[in-house]
Amino acid sequence: MRIGERYKVKCEPLIFAGQELQFVQSLKYLGVHFLASRKIKCSVDNARLKFYRSFNAIYARSKGAQSELVTLNHTV
């Protein structure tokens, strides 16, 4: 992954232990998702999705789950 002014420019392949390294648009490091761009960017979409999934799973098992208005939805 590349960050900086020339993050989209194709460059020579990097070789490590005899194998070519793959360039990616995002990576996860210590639970934080970083994105390739001009400036360093972090994505919280994955964490937000996991929160909503967990909350709805717990809430579905509670007594108040009868109302659809209370169920959380992920909206962009």
N, C-alpha and C. Protein backbone atom coordinates (compact mmCIF):
# COMPACT_ATOMS: atom_id res chain seq x y z
N MET A 1 0.84 -1.17 0.00
CA MET A 1 0.00 0.00 0.00
C MET A 1 0.89 1.24 0.00
N ARG A 2 0.44 2.27 -0.70
CA ARG A 2 1.22 3.50 -0.78
C ARG A 2 0.38 4.67 -0.30
N ILE A 3 1.03 5.61 0.38
CA ILE A 3 0.39 6.84 0.86
C ILE A 3 1.26 8.00 0.42
N GLY A 4 0.64 9.03 -0.16
CA GLY A 4 1.38 10.20 -0.58
C GLY A 4 0.92 10.70 -1.93
N GLU A 5 1.58 11.72 -2.44
CA GLU A 5 1.21 12.36 -3.70
C GLU A 5 1.12 11.36 -4.86
N ARG A 6 2.00 10.39 -4.89
CA ARG A 6 2.06 9.47 -6.03
C ARG A 6 1.50 8.08 -5.69
N TYR A 7 0.48 8.04 -4.85
CA TYR A 7 -0.03 6.74 -4.40
C TYR A 7 -0.67 5.92 -5.52
N LYS A 8 -1.11 6.57 -6.60
CA LYS A 8 -1.74 5.85 -7.71
C LYS A 8 -0.76 5.46 -8.82
N VAL A 9 0.45 5.98 -8.78
CA VAL A 9 1.43 5.74 -9.84
C VAL A 9 1.94 4.30 -9.74
N LYS A 10 1.97 3.64 -10.89
CA LYS A 10 2.49 2.27 -10.92
C LYS A 10 3.99 2.32 -10.72
N CYS A 11 4.50 1.43 -9.88
CA CYS A 11 5.94 1.40 -9.61
C CYS A 11 6.49 -0.01 -9.81
N GLU A 12 7.77 -0.11 -9.75
CA GLU A 12 8.44 -1.40 -9.91
C GLU A 12 8.00 -2.35 -8.79
N PRO A 13 7.88 -3.63 -9.09
CA PRO A 13 7.49 -4.59 -8.05
C PRO A 13 8.56 -4.73 -6.98
N LEU A 14 8.11 -4.93 -5.76
CA LEU A 14 9.02 -5.16 -4.63
C LEU A 14 9.17 -6.66 -4.43
N ILE A 15 10.40 -7.10 -4.24
CA ILE A 15 10.69 -8.52 -4.05
C ILE A 15 11.13 -8.75 -2.62
N PHE A 16 10.50 -9.72 -1.96
CA PHE A 16 10.87 -10.08 -0.59
C PHE A 16 10.95 -11.59 -0.50
N ALA A 17 12.08 -12.12 -0.08
CA ALA A 17 12.32 -13.56 0.04
C ALA A 17 12.01 -14.27 -1.28
N GLY A 18 12.38 -13.63 -2.38
CA GLY A 18 12.21 -14.25 -3.69
C GLY A 18 10.80 -14.17 -4.26
N GLN A 19 9.87 -13.51 -3.57
CA GLN A 19 8.50 -13.40 -4.07
C GLN A 19 8.10 -11.94 -4.19
N GLU A 20 7.30 -11.65 -5.20
CA GLU A 20 6.83 -10.29 -5.42
C GLU A 20 5.73 -9.94 -4.42
N LEU A 21 5.86 -8.76 -3.78
CA LEU A 21 4.84 -8.31 -2.84
C LEU A 21 3.67 -7.70 -3.60
N GLN A 22 2.48 -7.96 -3.13
CA GLN A 22 1.26 -7.46 -3.77
C GLN A 22 0.92 -6.08 -3.21
N PHE A 23 0.59 -5.12 -4.08
CA PHE A 23 0.13 -3.81 -3.66
C PHE A 23 -1.37 -3.89 -3.40
N VAL A 24 -1.82 -3.32 -2.28
CA VAL A 24 -3.23 -3.36 -1.90
C VAL A 24 -3.74 -1.93 -1.67
N GLN A 25 -5.06 -1.75 -1.67
CA GLN A 25 -5.67 -0.44 -1.45
C GLN A 25 -5.97 -0.18 0.01
N SER A 26 -6.00 -1.22 0.83
CA SER A 26 -6.23 -1.05 2.27
C SER A 26 -5.54 -2.17 3.03
N LEU A 27 -5.26 -1.91 4.30
CA LEU A 27 -4.68 -2.94 5.15
C LEU A 27 -5.14 -2.73 6.58
N LYS A 28 -5.07 -3.80 7.35
CA LYS A 28 -5.48 -3.76 8.75
C LYS A 28 -4.23 -3.93 9.62
N TYR A 29 -4.02 -2.97 10.54
CA TYR A 29 -2.88 -3.03 11.44
C TYR A 29 -3.38 -2.70 12.83
N LEU A 30 -3.21 -3.61 13.76
CA LEU A 30 -3.65 -3.46 15.14
C LEU A 30 -5.14 -3.09 15.22
N GLY A 31 -5.94 -3.69 14.33
CA GLY A 31 -7.38 -3.48 14.35
C GLY A 31 -7.86 -2.22 13.65
N VAL A 32 -6.93 -1.43 13.10
CA VAL A 32 -7.29 -0.19 12.40
C VAL A 32 -7.10 -0.42 10.91
N HIS A 33 -8.10 -0.04 10.11
CA HIS A 33 -8.03 -0.19 8.66
C HIS A 33 -7.51 1.10 8.04
N PHE A 34 -6.37 1.01 7.34
CA PHE A 34 -5.76 2.15 6.68
C PHE A 34 -6.04 2.05 5.19
N LEU A 35 -6.25 3.21 4.54
CA LEU A 35 -6.57 3.26 3.12
C LEU A 35 -5.47 3.97 2.35
N ALA A 36 -5.22 3.52 1.12
CA ALA A 36 -4.25 4.18 0.25
C ALA A 36 -4.86 5.49 -0.24
N SER A 37 -4.13 6.60 -0.07
CA SER A 37 -4.61 7.91 -0.51
C SER A 37 -3.47 8.92 -0.44
N ARG A 38 -3.78 10.18 -0.78
CA ARG A 38 -2.76 11.24 -0.71
C ARG A 38 -2.30 11.47 0.73
N LYS A 39 -3.24 11.45 1.66
CA LYS A 39 -2.92 11.62 3.09
C LYS A 39 -3.36 10.36 3.82
N ILE A 40 -2.81 10.13 4.99
CA ILE A 40 -3.15 8.93 5.75
C ILE A 40 -4.63 8.96 6.13
N LYS A 41 -5.34 7.88 5.82
CA LYS A 41 -6.77 7.77 6.10
C LYS A 41 -7.05 6.46 6.81
N CYS A 42 -7.98 6.52 7.74
CA CYS A 42 -8.42 5.33 8.45
C CYS A 42 -9.89 5.11 8.16
N SER A 43 -10.30 3.87 8.07
CA SER A 43 -11.69 3.53 7.83
C SER A 43 -12.29 2.93 9.10
N VAL A 44 -13.46 3.43 9.50
CA VAL A 44 -14.14 2.90 10.68
C VAL A 44 -15.37 2.09 10.29
N ASP A 45 -15.58 1.88 8.98
CA ASP A 45 -16.76 1.16 8.51
C ASP A 45 -16.83 -0.25 9.08
N ASN A 46 -15.72 -0.94 9.13
CA ASN A 46 -15.71 -2.32 9.62
C ASN A 46 -16.05 -2.37 11.11
N ALA A 47 -15.51 -1.46 11.90
CA ALA A 47 -15.81 -1.41 13.34
C ALA A 47 -17.28 -1.06 13.56
N ARG A 48 -17.79 -0.12 12.77
CA ARG A 48 -19.19 0.28 12.89
C ARG A 48 -20.11 -0.89 12.54
N LEU A 49 -19.79 -1.62 11.50
CA LEU A 49 -20.58 -2.77 11.09
C LEU A 49 -20.60 -3.84 12.18
N LYS A 50 -19.45 -4.10 12.79
CA LYS A 50 -19.39 -5.09 13.87
C LYS A 50 -20.20 -4.64 15.08
N PHE A 51 -20.18 -3.33 15.39
CA PHE A 51 -20.96 -2.82 16.51
C PHE A 51 -22.45 -3.04 16.27
N TYR A 52 -22.95 -2.65 15.11
CA TYR A 52 -24.37 -2.81 14.81
C TYR A 52 -24.79 -4.28 14.83
N ARG A 53 -23.94 -5.12 14.27
CA ARG A 53 -24.24 -6.56 14.26
C ARG A 53 -24.33 -7.10 15.68
N SER A 54 -23.38 -6.74 16.53
CA SER A 54 -23.38 -7.22 17.92
C SER A 54 -24.56 -6.66 18.70
N PHE A 55 -24.82 -5.36 18.56
CA PHE A 55 -25.93 -4.74 19.29
C PHE A 55 -27.26 -5.39 18.90
N ASN A 56 -27.50 -5.57 17.62
CA ASN A 56 -28.76 -6.15 17.17
C ASN A 56 -28.91 -7.60 17.62
N ALA A 57 -27.80 -8.35 17.67
CA ALA A 57 -27.86 -9.74 18.13
C ALA A 57 -28.23 -9.80 19.61
N ILE A 58 -27.64 -8.92 20.42
CA ILE A 58 -27.97 -8.88 21.85
C ILE A 58 -29.39 -8.38 22.05
N TYR A 59 -29.75 -7.32 21.33
CA TYR A 59 -31.07 -6.72 21.50
C TYR A 59 -32.19 -7.66 21.06
N ALA A 60 -31.92 -8.50 20.06
CA ALA A 60 -32.93 -9.45 19.58
C ALA A 60 -33.29 -10.47 20.64
N ARG A 61 -32.38 -10.71 21.57
CA ARG A 61 -32.64 -11.69 22.63
C ARG A 61 -33.27 -11.05 23.87
N SER A 62 -33.46 -9.74 23.84
CA SER A 62 -34.06 -9.06 24.98
C SER A 62 -35.57 -8.91 24.78
N LYS A 63 -36.27 -8.47 25.82
CA LYS A 63 -37.72 -8.33 25.77
C LYS A 63 -38.16 -7.18 24.88
N GLY A 64 -37.34 -6.16 24.71
CA GLY A 64 -37.73 -4.98 23.94
C GLY A 64 -37.60 -5.13 22.45
N ALA A 65 -37.31 -6.32 21.96
CA ALA A 65 -37.07 -6.51 20.54
C ALA A 65 -38.35 -6.57 19.72
N GLN A 66 -39.49 -6.30 20.31
CA GLN A 66 -40.75 -6.39 19.58
C GLN A 66 -40.92 -5.24 18.59
N SER A 67 -40.25 -4.12 18.82
CA SER A 67 -40.41 -2.95 17.96
C SER A 67 -39.28 -2.85 16.94
N GLU A 68 -39.65 -2.73 15.66
CA GLU A 68 -38.65 -2.56 14.60
C GLU A 68 -38.02 -1.18 14.64
N LEU A 69 -38.68 -0.21 15.27
CA LEU A 69 -38.16 1.14 15.34
C LEU A 69 -36.89 1.23 16.16
N VAL A 70 -36.72 0.30 17.10
CA VAL A 70 -35.58 0.37 18.01
C VAL A 70 -34.36 -0.34 17.43
N THR A 71 -34.53 -1.25 16.50
CA THR A 71 -33.43 -1.98 15.91
C THR A 71 -32.52 -1.03 15.14
N LEU A 72 -31.21 -1.11 15.36
CA LEU A 72 -30.26 -0.22 14.72
C LEU A 72 -29.94 -0.70 13.31
N ASN A 73 -29.79 0.24 12.40
CA ASN A 73 -29.39 -0.06 11.04
C ASN A 73 -28.18 0.77 10.67
N HIS A 74 -27.33 0.18 9.85
CA HIS A 74 -26.14 0.88 9.37
C HIS A 74 -26.54 1.67 8.13
N THR A 75 -26.43 2.98 8.18
CA THR A 75 -26.73 3.81 7.02
C THR A 75 -25.51 4.65 6.70
N VAL A 76 -25.27 4.84 5.46
CA VAL A 76 -24.11 5.61 5.02
C VAL A 76 -24.53 7.02 4.72
